[in-house]
N, C-alpha and C. Protein backbone atom coordinates (compact mmCIF):
# COMPACT_ATOMS: atom_id res chain seq x y z
N MET A 1 88.25 35.33 205.55
CA MET A 1 87.71 36.63 205.61
C MET A 1 88.74 37.56 206.02
N SER A 2 89.02 38.68 205.17
CA SER A 2 90.01 39.57 205.53
C SER A 2 89.67 40.49 206.71
N ALA A 3 90.71 40.94 207.40
CA ALA A 3 90.60 41.79 208.59
C ALA A 3 90.14 43.19 208.08
N GLU A 4 89.34 43.97 208.98
CA GLU A 4 89.05 45.31 208.64
C GLU A 4 90.25 46.09 208.60
N PRO A 5 90.43 47.15 207.57
CA PRO A 5 91.54 48.00 207.56
C PRO A 5 91.46 48.90 208.75
N PRO A 6 92.62 49.34 209.22
CA PRO A 6 92.64 50.21 210.52
C PRO A 6 92.02 51.48 210.03
N PRO A 7 91.47 52.15 211.09
CA PRO A 7 90.66 53.51 210.70
C PRO A 7 91.78 54.56 210.42
N ASP A 8 91.39 55.55 209.51
CA ASP A 8 92.25 56.69 209.24
C ASP A 8 91.88 57.66 210.26
N ILE A 9 92.63 57.62 211.39
CA ILE A 9 92.28 58.45 212.56
C ILE A 9 92.50 60.01 212.16
N ALA A 10 93.57 60.24 211.48
CA ALA A 10 93.79 61.74 211.19
C ALA A 10 92.69 62.14 210.16
N GLY A 11 92.41 61.41 209.17
CA GLY A 11 91.33 61.81 208.25
C GLY A 11 89.96 61.92 208.92
N ASN A 12 89.77 61.02 209.83
CA ASN A 12 88.44 61.08 210.59
C ASN A 12 88.35 62.37 211.46
N LEU A 13 89.51 62.57 212.13
CA LEU A 13 89.51 63.85 212.99
C LEU A 13 89.33 65.13 212.16
N ALA A 14 89.94 65.12 210.99
CA ALA A 14 89.71 66.26 210.03
C ALA A 14 88.31 66.44 209.65
N ALA A 15 87.61 65.33 209.43
CA ALA A 15 86.21 65.33 209.00
C ALA A 15 85.35 65.85 210.17
N VAL A 16 85.61 65.35 211.28
CA VAL A 16 84.81 65.78 212.41
C VAL A 16 84.95 67.22 212.82
N ARG A 17 86.13 67.62 212.67
CA ARG A 17 86.49 69.08 212.92
C ARG A 17 85.84 69.97 211.88
N ARG A 18 85.67 69.51 210.53
CA ARG A 18 84.93 70.22 209.54
C ARG A 18 83.48 70.37 210.02
N ARG A 19 82.88 69.20 210.38
CA ARG A 19 81.53 69.20 210.74
C ARG A 19 81.24 70.13 211.95
N ILE A 20 82.18 70.16 212.88
CA ILE A 20 82.03 71.02 213.96
C ILE A 20 82.00 72.40 213.55
N ALA A 21 82.91 72.77 212.74
CA ALA A 21 82.95 74.19 212.14
C ALA A 21 81.84 74.58 211.31
N GLU A 22 81.21 73.66 210.50
CA GLU A 22 80.02 73.92 209.85
C GLU A 22 78.81 74.04 210.76
N ALA A 23 78.67 73.20 211.79
CA ALA A 23 77.54 73.23 212.72
C ALA A 23 77.64 74.61 213.53
N ALA A 24 78.89 74.91 213.94
CA ALA A 24 79.07 76.18 214.70
C ALA A 24 78.73 77.26 213.86
N GLY A 25 79.20 77.40 212.62
CA GLY A 25 78.90 78.49 211.69
C GLY A 25 77.41 78.59 211.44
N ALA A 26 76.72 77.46 211.17
CA ALA A 26 75.21 77.59 211.05
C ALA A 26 74.51 78.05 212.24
N ALA A 27 75.12 77.92 213.50
CA ALA A 27 74.43 78.30 214.69
C ALA A 27 74.96 79.77 215.07
N GLY A 28 75.71 80.36 214.16
CA GLY A 28 76.32 81.72 214.61
C GLY A 28 77.32 81.66 215.62
N ARG A 29 78.01 80.63 215.64
CA ARG A 29 78.95 80.42 216.64
C ARG A 29 80.39 80.23 216.08
N ALA A 30 81.51 80.53 216.95
CA ALA A 30 82.78 80.14 216.43
C ALA A 30 83.17 78.70 216.62
N ALA A 31 83.79 78.00 215.77
CA ALA A 31 84.24 76.60 215.89
C ALA A 31 85.14 76.60 217.16
N ALA A 32 85.90 77.54 217.43
CA ALA A 32 86.77 77.51 218.58
C ALA A 32 86.10 77.43 219.94
N ASP A 33 84.77 77.81 219.91
CA ASP A 33 84.07 77.67 221.19
C ASP A 33 83.58 76.26 221.45
N VAL A 34 83.84 75.40 220.59
CA VAL A 34 83.47 73.99 220.82
C VAL A 34 84.66 73.13 220.96
N THR A 35 84.87 72.44 222.11
CA THR A 35 85.89 71.63 222.38
C THR A 35 85.62 70.13 222.00
N LEU A 36 86.34 69.56 221.12
CA LEU A 36 86.30 68.11 220.72
C LEU A 36 86.86 67.28 221.75
N VAL A 37 86.20 66.39 222.33
CA VAL A 37 86.63 65.44 223.38
C VAL A 37 86.66 64.10 222.49
N ALA A 38 87.92 63.61 222.15
CA ALA A 38 87.96 62.38 221.49
C ALA A 38 87.92 61.14 222.49
N VAL A 39 86.79 60.36 222.30
CA VAL A 39 86.49 59.32 223.26
C VAL A 39 87.29 58.12 223.00
N SER A 40 88.34 57.93 223.72
CA SER A 40 89.30 56.82 223.47
C SER A 40 89.02 55.48 224.23
N LYS A 41 87.87 55.33 224.94
CA LYS A 41 87.64 54.15 225.71
C LYS A 41 87.66 52.97 224.87
N THR A 42 88.21 51.84 225.37
CA THR A 42 88.47 50.60 224.83
C THR A 42 89.55 50.66 223.65
N HIS A 43 89.88 51.76 223.18
CA HIS A 43 90.94 51.86 222.16
C HIS A 43 92.40 52.00 222.82
N ASP A 44 93.39 51.47 222.06
CA ASP A 44 94.62 51.32 222.72
C ASP A 44 95.55 52.63 222.59
N SER A 45 96.66 52.60 223.31
CA SER A 45 97.54 53.72 223.22
C SER A 45 98.08 54.06 221.76
N ALA A 46 98.17 53.11 220.89
CA ALA A 46 98.58 53.34 219.56
C ALA A 46 97.57 54.09 218.85
N ALA A 47 96.25 53.92 219.02
CA ALA A 47 95.19 54.68 218.43
C ALA A 47 95.29 56.08 218.94
N ILE A 48 95.47 56.24 220.21
CA ILE A 48 95.54 57.56 220.84
C ILE A 48 96.76 58.37 220.31
N ALA A 49 97.95 57.66 220.06
CA ALA A 49 99.08 58.34 219.64
C ALA A 49 98.84 58.90 218.23
N HIS A 50 98.10 58.13 217.36
CA HIS A 50 97.76 58.59 216.06
C HIS A 50 96.86 60.00 216.11
N ALA A 51 95.89 60.02 217.05
CA ALA A 51 95.21 61.27 217.28
C ALA A 51 96.10 62.31 217.78
N LEU A 52 96.95 62.12 218.64
CA LEU A 52 97.94 63.05 219.07
C LEU A 52 98.72 63.62 218.03
N ALA A 53 99.20 62.75 217.05
CA ALA A 53 100.08 63.19 216.04
C ALA A 53 99.21 64.09 215.00
N ALA A 54 97.87 63.88 215.09
CA ALA A 54 97.06 64.71 214.27
C ALA A 54 96.56 66.03 214.85
N GLY A 55 97.17 66.23 216.00
CA GLY A 55 96.90 67.45 216.77
C GLY A 55 95.87 67.46 217.84
N GLN A 56 95.16 66.24 218.04
CA GLN A 56 94.08 66.25 219.08
C GLN A 56 94.78 66.15 220.37
N ARG A 57 94.14 67.03 221.42
CA ARG A 57 94.82 67.14 222.73
C ARG A 57 93.81 66.86 223.80
N VAL A 58 92.44 66.64 223.53
CA VAL A 58 91.50 66.50 224.52
C VAL A 58 90.79 65.15 224.33
N PHE A 59 90.88 64.30 225.39
CA PHE A 59 90.35 62.89 225.28
C PHE A 59 89.42 62.57 226.40
N GLY A 60 88.57 61.62 226.12
CA GLY A 60 87.61 61.09 227.19
C GLY A 60 87.73 59.60 227.38
N GLU A 61 87.65 59.24 228.73
CA GLU A 61 87.68 57.88 229.09
C GLU A 61 86.58 57.64 229.99
N ASN A 62 86.01 56.41 229.98
CA ASN A 62 84.98 56.00 230.77
C ASN A 62 85.24 55.39 232.21
N ARG A 63 86.43 54.77 232.20
CA ARG A 63 86.88 54.05 233.44
C ARG A 63 88.21 54.53 233.93
N VAL A 64 88.31 54.73 235.22
CA VAL A 64 89.48 55.31 235.80
C VAL A 64 90.59 54.27 235.52
N GLN A 65 90.28 52.94 235.90
CA GLN A 65 91.45 51.95 235.83
C GLN A 65 91.95 51.81 234.38
N GLU A 66 91.14 51.80 233.41
CA GLU A 66 91.50 51.81 232.06
C GLU A 66 92.40 52.92 231.65
N ALA A 67 91.96 54.22 232.02
CA ALA A 67 92.67 55.37 231.72
C ALA A 67 94.06 55.37 232.45
N GLN A 68 94.17 54.71 233.56
CA GLN A 68 95.46 54.60 234.30
C GLN A 68 96.47 53.73 233.51
N THR A 69 95.89 52.81 232.73
CA THR A 69 96.93 51.94 231.96
C THR A 69 97.40 52.64 230.72
N LYS A 70 96.82 53.69 230.23
CA LYS A 70 97.10 54.24 229.05
C LYS A 70 97.64 55.69 229.17
N TYR A 71 97.25 56.43 229.94
CA TYR A 71 97.40 57.93 229.95
C TYR A 71 98.56 58.58 230.76
N PRO A 72 99.12 57.89 231.92
CA PRO A 72 100.22 58.60 232.58
C PRO A 72 101.40 58.88 231.67
N GLU A 73 101.75 57.79 230.92
CA GLU A 73 102.96 58.02 229.99
C GLU A 73 102.71 59.08 228.84
N LEU A 74 101.44 58.97 228.39
CA LEU A 74 101.13 59.90 227.31
C LEU A 74 101.05 61.38 227.83
N LYS A 75 100.49 61.42 229.04
CA LYS A 75 100.41 62.86 229.62
C LYS A 75 101.93 63.33 229.88
N ALA A 76 102.72 62.45 230.29
CA ALA A 76 104.18 62.89 230.66
C ALA A 76 104.82 63.40 229.36
N ARG A 77 104.43 62.82 228.16
CA ARG A 77 105.20 63.25 226.96
C ARG A 77 104.42 64.43 226.30
N HIS A 78 103.10 64.59 226.55
CA HIS A 78 102.32 65.64 226.02
C HIS A 78 101.70 66.53 227.13
N ARG A 79 102.35 67.56 227.56
CA ARG A 79 102.06 68.29 228.73
C ARG A 79 100.69 69.08 228.37
N ASP A 80 100.37 69.26 227.26
CA ASP A 80 99.09 70.00 226.89
C ASP A 80 97.96 68.98 226.73
N LEU A 81 98.04 67.75 226.96
CA LEU A 81 97.00 66.80 226.93
C LEU A 81 96.04 66.98 228.05
N ALA A 82 94.74 66.85 227.69
CA ALA A 82 93.77 67.05 228.70
C ALA A 82 92.85 65.90 228.72
N LEU A 83 92.66 65.34 229.81
CA LEU A 83 91.82 63.95 230.00
C LEU A 83 90.56 64.31 230.80
N HIS A 84 89.35 63.82 230.15
CA HIS A 84 88.11 63.95 230.69
C HIS A 84 87.55 62.67 231.19
N LEU A 85 87.02 62.47 232.47
CA LEU A 85 86.33 61.31 232.90
C LEU A 85 84.92 61.56 232.50
N ILE A 86 84.34 60.59 231.63
CA ILE A 86 83.01 60.69 231.07
C ILE A 86 82.13 59.57 231.45
N GLY A 87 82.70 58.68 232.21
CA GLY A 87 81.84 57.52 232.76
C GLY A 87 81.63 57.59 234.16
N PRO A 88 80.65 56.84 234.76
CA PRO A 88 80.41 56.89 236.18
C PRO A 88 81.58 56.79 237.08
N LEU A 89 81.62 57.55 238.20
CA LEU A 89 82.76 57.52 239.05
C LEU A 89 82.30 56.87 240.40
N GLN A 90 82.96 55.92 240.91
CA GLN A 90 82.71 55.19 242.11
C GLN A 90 83.50 56.04 243.26
N THR A 91 83.01 56.06 244.45
CA THR A 91 83.84 56.75 245.45
C THR A 91 85.10 56.24 245.77
N ASN A 92 85.25 54.91 245.64
CA ASN A 92 86.64 54.29 245.94
C ASN A 92 87.71 54.62 244.88
N LYS A 93 87.11 55.21 243.69
CA LYS A 93 88.10 55.68 242.72
C LYS A 93 88.42 57.13 242.66
N VAL A 94 87.83 57.98 243.62
CA VAL A 94 87.93 59.26 243.57
C VAL A 94 89.42 59.81 243.76
N LYS A 95 90.13 59.13 244.58
CA LYS A 95 91.58 59.59 244.65
C LYS A 95 92.38 59.51 243.31
N ASP A 96 92.13 58.25 242.68
CA ASP A 96 92.81 58.11 241.37
C ASP A 96 92.30 59.09 240.29
N ALA A 97 90.99 59.35 240.38
CA ALA A 97 90.38 60.15 239.30
C ALA A 97 91.03 61.54 239.57
N VAL A 98 90.93 62.10 240.65
CA VAL A 98 91.40 63.44 240.90
C VAL A 98 92.86 63.63 240.53
N ALA A 99 93.65 62.52 240.66
CA ALA A 99 95.13 62.70 240.41
C ALA A 99 95.33 62.58 238.91
N LEU A 100 94.43 61.86 238.04
CA LEU A 100 94.73 61.73 236.68
C LEU A 100 93.95 62.62 235.75
N PHE A 101 92.72 62.84 236.05
CA PHE A 101 91.85 63.57 235.11
C PHE A 101 91.96 65.01 235.28
N ASP A 102 91.82 65.80 234.22
CA ASP A 102 91.72 67.23 234.08
C ASP A 102 90.29 67.73 234.14
N ALA A 103 89.29 66.93 233.92
CA ALA A 103 87.91 67.24 234.02
C ALA A 103 87.13 65.91 234.50
N ILE A 104 86.23 66.10 235.35
CA ILE A 104 85.39 64.99 235.76
C ILE A 104 83.92 65.43 235.35
N GLU A 105 83.33 64.68 234.39
CA GLU A 105 82.13 65.15 233.89
C GLU A 105 80.87 64.45 234.56
N THR A 106 81.10 63.66 235.42
CA THR A 106 79.99 62.71 236.01
C THR A 106 79.72 62.87 237.54
N LEU A 107 79.84 64.09 238.08
CA LEU A 107 79.45 64.34 239.39
C LEU A 107 77.98 64.22 239.40
N ASP A 108 77.42 63.29 240.34
CA ASP A 108 75.99 63.02 240.29
C ASP A 108 75.22 62.71 241.51
N ARG A 109 75.93 62.77 242.63
CA ARG A 109 75.25 62.42 243.96
C ARG A 109 76.13 63.04 245.05
N GLN A 110 75.47 63.21 246.18
CA GLN A 110 75.98 63.98 247.28
C GLN A 110 77.27 63.18 247.89
N ARG A 111 77.17 61.93 248.00
CA ARG A 111 78.26 61.20 248.59
C ARG A 111 79.57 61.38 247.66
N LEU A 112 79.35 61.27 246.37
CA LEU A 112 80.43 61.55 245.50
C LEU A 112 81.03 62.77 245.61
N ALA A 113 80.10 63.85 245.56
CA ALA A 113 80.56 65.36 245.68
C ALA A 113 81.33 65.45 246.82
N GLU A 114 80.96 64.94 247.99
CA GLU A 114 81.61 65.03 249.31
C GLU A 114 83.11 64.45 249.22
N ALA A 115 83.09 63.26 248.56
CA ALA A 115 84.42 62.59 248.43
C ALA A 115 85.32 63.31 247.57
N VAL A 116 84.88 63.85 246.54
CA VAL A 116 85.62 64.79 245.55
C VAL A 116 86.19 65.94 246.21
N ALA A 117 85.31 66.74 247.05
CA ALA A 117 85.64 67.90 247.71
C ALA A 117 86.91 67.59 248.61
N ARG A 118 86.80 66.44 249.41
CA ARG A 118 87.76 65.97 250.34
C ARG A 118 89.09 65.86 249.59
N GLU A 119 89.03 65.14 248.53
CA GLU A 119 90.22 64.80 247.78
C GLU A 119 90.85 65.96 247.00
N LEU A 120 90.02 66.88 246.48
CA LEU A 120 90.66 68.13 245.98
C LEU A 120 91.51 68.82 247.08
N GLU A 121 91.03 68.88 248.27
CA GLU A 121 91.72 69.56 249.39
C GLU A 121 92.96 68.87 249.64
N ARG A 122 92.94 67.52 249.67
CA ARG A 122 94.13 66.69 250.04
C ARG A 122 95.24 66.77 248.80
N GLN A 123 94.69 66.67 247.58
CA GLN A 123 95.72 66.75 246.50
C GLN A 123 96.15 68.21 246.01
N GLU A 124 95.30 69.18 246.40
CA GLU A 124 95.48 70.56 245.84
C GLU A 124 95.39 70.57 244.37
N ARG A 125 94.57 69.75 243.78
CA ARG A 125 94.27 69.84 242.39
C ARG A 125 92.90 70.31 242.07
N ARG A 126 92.71 70.92 240.89
CA ARG A 126 91.40 71.49 240.61
C ARG A 126 90.97 71.03 239.16
N PRO A 127 90.57 69.74 238.97
CA PRO A 127 90.05 69.36 237.68
C PRO A 127 88.66 70.14 237.56
N ALA A 128 88.32 70.40 236.27
CA ALA A 128 86.98 71.05 236.04
C ALA A 128 85.91 70.04 236.41
N LEU A 129 84.87 70.43 237.07
CA LEU A 129 83.79 69.53 237.60
C LEU A 129 82.57 69.82 236.64
N PHE A 130 81.97 68.71 236.07
CA PHE A 130 80.65 68.84 235.48
C PHE A 130 79.56 67.97 236.25
N VAL A 131 78.44 68.53 236.28
CA VAL A 131 77.31 67.68 236.94
C VAL A 131 76.67 66.91 235.91
N GLN A 132 76.53 65.60 235.92
CA GLN A 132 75.84 64.88 234.99
C GLN A 132 74.42 64.80 235.29
N VAL A 133 73.45 65.13 234.45
CA VAL A 133 71.99 65.23 234.66
C VAL A 133 71.50 64.06 233.80
N ASN A 134 70.70 63.31 234.36
CA ASN A 134 70.01 62.08 233.77
C ASN A 134 68.69 62.79 233.14
N THR A 135 68.77 63.31 232.02
CA THR A 135 67.63 64.12 231.45
C THR A 135 66.46 63.17 231.05
N GLY A 136 66.72 61.93 230.84
CA GLY A 136 65.66 61.00 230.53
C GLY A 136 65.22 60.25 231.76
N GLU A 137 65.75 60.52 232.90
CA GLU A 137 65.35 59.84 234.14
C GLU A 137 65.33 58.34 233.95
N GLU A 138 66.34 57.81 233.34
CA GLU A 138 66.39 56.38 233.12
C GLU A 138 67.16 55.70 234.36
N PRO A 139 66.41 54.65 234.92
CA PRO A 139 66.83 54.17 236.08
C PRO A 139 68.16 53.36 236.02
N GLN A 140 68.68 53.01 234.83
CA GLN A 140 69.82 52.16 234.73
C GLN A 140 70.97 53.18 234.49
N LYS A 141 70.83 54.48 234.27
CA LYS A 141 71.85 55.44 234.03
C LYS A 141 72.11 56.37 235.04
N ALA A 142 73.42 56.66 235.17
CA ALA A 142 73.86 57.60 236.24
C ALA A 142 73.39 59.04 235.86
N GLY A 143 73.41 59.88 236.94
CA GLY A 143 73.10 61.33 236.62
C GLY A 143 71.95 61.73 237.66
N VAL A 144 71.98 63.01 237.96
CA VAL A 144 71.06 63.62 238.84
C VAL A 144 69.69 63.81 238.04
N PRO A 145 68.70 63.49 238.65
CA PRO A 145 67.36 63.81 237.91
C PRO A 145 67.25 65.29 237.68
N PRO A 146 66.57 65.61 236.57
CA PRO A 146 66.45 67.14 236.38
C PRO A 146 65.76 67.93 237.40
N GLY A 147 64.80 67.39 238.13
CA GLY A 147 64.13 68.04 239.21
C GLY A 147 64.94 68.30 240.34
N GLU A 148 66.08 67.57 240.46
CA GLU A 148 66.92 67.67 241.67
C GLU A 148 68.29 68.47 241.29
N ALA A 149 68.47 68.82 240.04
CA ALA A 149 69.77 69.34 239.58
C ALA A 149 70.04 70.66 240.24
N ASP A 150 69.08 71.60 240.32
CA ASP A 150 69.39 72.91 240.91
C ASP A 150 69.82 72.72 242.30
N ALA A 151 69.16 72.02 243.17
CA ALA A 151 69.42 71.81 244.54
C ALA A 151 70.83 71.21 244.67
N PHE A 152 71.07 70.23 243.80
CA PHE A 152 72.38 69.53 243.94
C PHE A 152 73.59 70.54 243.54
N ILE A 153 73.38 71.23 242.58
CA ILE A 153 74.46 72.13 242.02
C ILE A 153 74.67 73.19 243.22
N GLU A 154 73.67 73.73 243.80
CA GLU A 154 73.67 74.81 244.80
C GLU A 154 74.41 74.12 246.06
N ASP A 155 74.12 72.83 246.41
CA ASP A 155 74.70 72.31 247.48
C ASP A 155 76.25 72.09 247.28
N CYS A 156 76.52 71.72 246.12
CA CYS A 156 77.98 71.48 245.69
C CYS A 156 78.67 72.87 245.89
N ARG A 157 78.08 74.00 245.45
CA ARG A 157 78.71 75.30 245.60
C ARG A 157 78.78 75.77 246.87
N THR A 158 77.66 75.77 247.68
CA THR A 158 77.61 76.52 248.88
C THR A 158 78.14 75.78 250.19
N ARG A 159 77.82 74.49 250.22
CA ARG A 159 78.25 73.70 251.34
C ARG A 159 79.61 73.06 251.09
N LEU A 160 79.80 72.70 249.80
CA LEU A 160 81.04 71.86 249.65
C LEU A 160 82.18 72.79 249.00
N GLY A 161 81.73 73.98 248.54
CA GLY A 161 82.78 74.90 247.94
C GLY A 161 83.26 74.42 246.64
N LEU A 162 82.55 73.66 245.87
CA LEU A 162 82.93 73.14 244.56
C LEU A 162 82.55 74.16 243.47
N GLY A 163 83.60 74.41 242.65
CA GLY A 163 83.16 75.09 241.49
C GLY A 163 82.70 74.21 240.31
N ILE A 164 81.46 74.50 239.96
CA ILE A 164 80.82 73.60 238.95
C ILE A 164 80.97 74.32 237.57
N ALA A 165 81.87 73.81 236.74
CA ALA A 165 82.24 74.33 235.39
C ALA A 165 81.12 74.02 234.34
N GLY A 166 80.50 72.89 234.48
CA GLY A 166 79.59 72.54 233.37
C GLY A 166 78.58 71.50 233.74
N LEU A 167 77.71 71.16 232.77
CA LEU A 167 76.69 70.08 232.81
C LEU A 167 76.93 69.28 231.75
N MET A 168 76.50 67.89 231.97
CA MET A 168 76.80 66.76 230.98
C MET A 168 75.43 66.06 230.86
N CYS A 169 75.15 65.53 229.74
CA CYS A 169 73.83 64.55 229.58
C CYS A 169 74.24 63.51 228.52
N ILE A 170 73.57 62.39 228.69
CA ILE A 170 73.44 61.41 227.63
C ILE A 170 72.05 61.13 227.37
N PRO A 171 71.42 61.63 226.30
CA PRO A 171 70.09 61.38 226.02
C PRO A 171 69.71 59.86 225.79
N PRO A 172 68.48 59.53 226.10
CA PRO A 172 68.08 58.00 225.87
C PRO A 172 68.33 57.72 224.39
N VAL A 173 68.54 56.50 224.13
CA VAL A 173 68.80 55.93 222.80
C VAL A 173 67.64 56.43 221.86
N ASP A 174 66.49 56.15 222.16
CA ASP A 174 65.36 56.23 221.29
C ASP A 174 64.52 57.54 221.31
N ASP A 175 65.09 58.47 222.18
CA ASP A 175 64.36 59.83 222.27
C ASP A 175 64.98 60.87 221.25
N GLU A 176 64.16 61.84 221.10
CA GLU A 176 64.72 62.91 220.26
C GLU A 176 65.69 63.67 221.08
N PRO A 177 66.97 63.79 220.77
CA PRO A 177 67.93 64.38 221.56
C PRO A 177 67.82 65.76 221.80
N SER A 178 67.26 66.55 220.77
CA SER A 178 67.04 67.97 221.05
C SER A 178 66.23 68.41 222.25
N LEU A 179 65.31 67.52 222.70
CA LEU A 179 64.51 67.73 223.86
C LEU A 179 65.45 67.75 225.13
N HIS A 180 66.42 66.87 225.13
CA HIS A 180 67.34 66.69 226.21
C HIS A 180 68.42 67.76 226.24
N PHE A 181 68.84 68.11 224.99
CA PHE A 181 69.83 69.19 224.89
C PHE A 181 69.18 70.55 225.39
N ALA A 182 67.93 70.81 224.99
CA ALA A 182 67.31 72.01 225.48
C ALA A 182 67.09 72.02 226.99
N LEU A 183 66.74 70.92 227.60
CA LEU A 183 66.54 70.84 228.98
C LEU A 183 67.91 71.11 229.68
N LEU A 184 68.98 70.53 229.30
CA LEU A 184 70.16 70.78 229.92
C LEU A 184 70.62 72.25 229.75
N ARG A 185 70.37 72.76 228.59
CA ARG A 185 70.68 74.18 228.35
C ARG A 185 69.93 75.15 229.31
N GLU A 186 68.74 74.80 229.60
CA GLU A 186 67.89 75.55 230.45
C GLU A 186 68.31 75.55 232.02
N ILE A 187 68.82 74.30 232.37
CA ILE A 187 69.37 74.25 233.76
C ILE A 187 70.70 75.09 233.86
N ALA A 188 71.45 74.95 232.89
CA ALA A 188 72.67 75.74 232.86
C ALA A 188 72.35 77.18 232.87
N ARG A 189 71.40 77.58 232.16
CA ARG A 189 71.03 79.17 232.11
C ARG A 189 70.60 79.52 233.59
N ARG A 190 69.78 78.71 234.16
CA ARG A 190 69.32 79.11 235.52
C ARG A 190 70.45 79.21 236.49
N GLN A 191 71.48 78.27 236.40
CA GLN A 191 72.56 78.23 237.31
C GLN A 191 73.74 79.09 236.87
N GLY A 192 73.75 79.79 235.73
CA GLY A 192 74.75 80.60 235.33
C GLY A 192 75.99 79.69 234.98
N ILE A 193 75.87 78.52 234.46
CA ILE A 193 76.80 77.67 234.09
C ILE A 193 77.11 77.75 232.51
N ALA A 194 78.40 77.89 232.21
CA ALA A 194 78.75 78.08 230.80
C ALA A 194 79.02 76.93 229.91
N ALA A 195 79.50 75.85 230.61
CA ALA A 195 79.99 74.65 229.73
C ALA A 195 78.89 73.71 229.61
N LEU A 196 78.63 73.14 228.38
CA LEU A 196 77.54 72.13 228.18
C LEU A 196 78.31 70.95 227.47
N SER A 197 78.43 69.80 228.06
CA SER A 197 79.01 68.60 227.43
C SER A 197 77.87 67.71 226.90
N MET A 198 77.60 67.85 225.66
CA MET A 198 76.40 67.03 225.12
C MET A 198 76.68 66.88 223.62
N GLY A 199 76.24 65.68 223.01
CA GLY A 199 76.45 65.44 221.68
C GLY A 199 77.55 64.38 221.48
N MET A 200 77.18 63.43 220.64
CA MET A 200 78.20 62.26 220.39
C MET A 200 78.31 62.04 218.83
N SER A 201 78.89 61.02 218.44
CA SER A 201 79.04 60.95 217.07
C SER A 201 77.83 61.10 216.17
N GLY A 202 76.75 60.66 216.66
CA GLY A 202 75.56 60.70 215.77
C GLY A 202 74.76 62.02 215.87
N ASP A 203 75.10 62.85 216.84
CA ASP A 203 74.12 64.02 217.03
C ASP A 203 74.85 65.27 217.55
N PHE A 204 76.26 65.31 217.37
CA PHE A 204 76.97 66.43 217.87
C PHE A 204 76.65 67.75 217.15
N ALA A 205 76.38 67.70 215.91
CA ALA A 205 76.02 68.85 215.17
C ALA A 205 74.75 69.47 215.71
N LEU A 206 73.81 68.69 216.01
CA LEU A 206 72.58 69.20 216.68
C LEU A 206 72.79 69.74 218.04
N ALA A 207 73.74 69.07 218.82
CA ALA A 207 74.04 69.52 220.11
C ALA A 207 74.67 70.93 219.99
N ILE A 208 75.43 71.16 219.01
CA ILE A 208 76.16 72.45 218.85
C ILE A 208 75.13 73.59 218.67
N ARG A 209 74.07 73.17 217.90
CA ARG A 209 72.96 74.11 217.70
C ARG A 209 72.35 74.57 218.97
N PHE A 210 72.39 73.61 219.98
CA PHE A 210 71.59 73.88 221.31
C PHE A 210 72.75 74.40 222.25
N GLY A 211 73.95 74.76 221.95
CA GLY A 211 74.90 75.37 222.79
C GLY A 211 76.02 74.46 223.30
N ALA A 212 76.16 73.32 222.77
CA ALA A 212 77.24 72.44 223.39
C ALA A 212 78.57 73.18 223.29
N THR A 213 79.27 73.15 224.36
CA THR A 213 80.71 73.62 224.41
C THR A 213 81.74 72.53 224.24
N HIS A 214 81.15 71.23 224.62
CA HIS A 214 82.11 69.99 224.48
C HIS A 214 81.19 69.00 223.80
N VAL A 215 81.83 68.42 222.77
CA VAL A 215 81.20 67.19 222.18
C VAL A 215 82.04 66.07 222.34
N ARG A 216 81.44 64.77 222.64
CA ARG A 216 82.14 63.63 222.99
C ARG A 216 82.08 62.67 221.77
N VAL A 217 83.17 62.58 221.01
CA VAL A 217 83.09 61.80 219.71
C VAL A 217 84.03 60.67 219.81
N GLY A 218 83.55 59.48 219.64
CA GLY A 218 84.56 58.27 219.67
C GLY A 218 84.44 57.54 218.37
N THR A 219 83.38 56.89 217.99
CA THR A 219 83.22 56.06 216.78
C THR A 219 83.66 56.81 215.61
N ALA A 220 83.25 58.06 215.48
CA ALA A 220 83.56 58.74 214.11
C ALA A 220 85.07 59.00 213.99
N ILE A 221 85.73 58.87 215.10
CA ILE A 221 87.24 59.22 215.08
C ILE A 221 87.96 57.88 214.99
N PHE A 222 87.75 57.06 215.95
CA PHE A 222 88.46 55.79 216.19
C PHE A 222 87.96 54.54 215.54
N GLY A 223 86.73 54.69 214.87
CA GLY A 223 86.08 53.50 214.29
C GLY A 223 85.27 52.80 215.55
N PRO A 224 84.75 51.60 215.08
CA PRO A 224 84.02 50.74 216.05
C PRO A 224 84.94 50.28 217.25
N ARG A 225 84.20 50.33 218.43
CA ARG A 225 85.03 50.04 219.61
C ARG A 225 85.26 48.50 219.60
N PRO A 226 86.44 48.12 220.16
CA PRO A 226 86.76 46.71 220.27
C PRO A 226 85.85 45.80 220.98
N ALA A 227 85.28 46.49 222.11
CA ALA A 227 84.41 45.70 222.94
C ALA A 227 83.33 46.65 223.26
N ALA A 228 82.11 46.05 223.64
CA ALA A 228 80.86 46.80 223.97
C ALA A 228 81.05 47.51 225.36
N VAL A 229 80.61 48.86 225.38
CA VAL A 229 80.69 49.49 226.62
C VAL A 229 79.42 49.80 227.05
N PRO A 230 79.07 49.60 228.33
CA PRO A 230 77.69 49.72 228.85
C PRO A 230 77.32 51.18 229.14
N ASN A 231 76.22 51.52 229.70
CA ASN A 231 75.83 52.85 230.25
C ASN A 231 75.31 53.69 229.03
N GLY A 232 74.37 53.19 228.18
CA GLY A 232 73.62 54.13 227.32
C GLY A 232 74.28 54.23 225.93
N ARG A 233 74.18 55.41 225.40
CA ARG A 233 74.53 55.61 223.97
C ARG A 233 76.08 55.47 223.70
N GLY A 234 76.46 55.08 222.58
CA GLY A 234 77.79 55.17 222.17
C GLY A 234 78.22 56.58 222.00
N ALA A 235 79.54 56.80 222.16
CA ALA A 235 80.14 58.18 222.01
C ALA A 235 80.13 58.66 220.54
């Protein structure tokens, strides 16, 4: 049985960008208002290098340790590369995450927020912070329950002095995603938050219609992941 041919990463990126532009145009928005986060989790540095050669500069990783093996050298060579943490963050990895990532999209509990606040002070770094909302209230998934999101955001801002740049969600696999996108948009409206990270390979066009400013796309760019990744929907 012959091996699968390598994905055409440049061609895939061009196709995804076209779909983003079409979805943004249909929603009366500018394509430039939507940031494509290329999810490179489980893919190697060679695949990322192909995406970089095709002009992609914003990437997402699920795990701090995996990102540490791939991105320091790439970031040294590409000063405009921006790296987002899109997977759950443990408090014992906060120091490393603050040092490496340009955005942390998975702030979701008080203890973690306190650890991040302390580390920002120590390192004098300011990655963009997103609060992850568990819009489906799934017990196996990270994220603040929707009913607690407002209080959590306000505590981050007032007690900890954290600037909250955005909100992030991962809808349940079997639910209609528009319901979750609408819920996240409403929480952001109440809190005066501009950035919404929502939408993946299968539903990013719909997410753009609901106001997504960041879409996290992996499979449609890099092809199937070499290994299964836990925590809900694929990117």
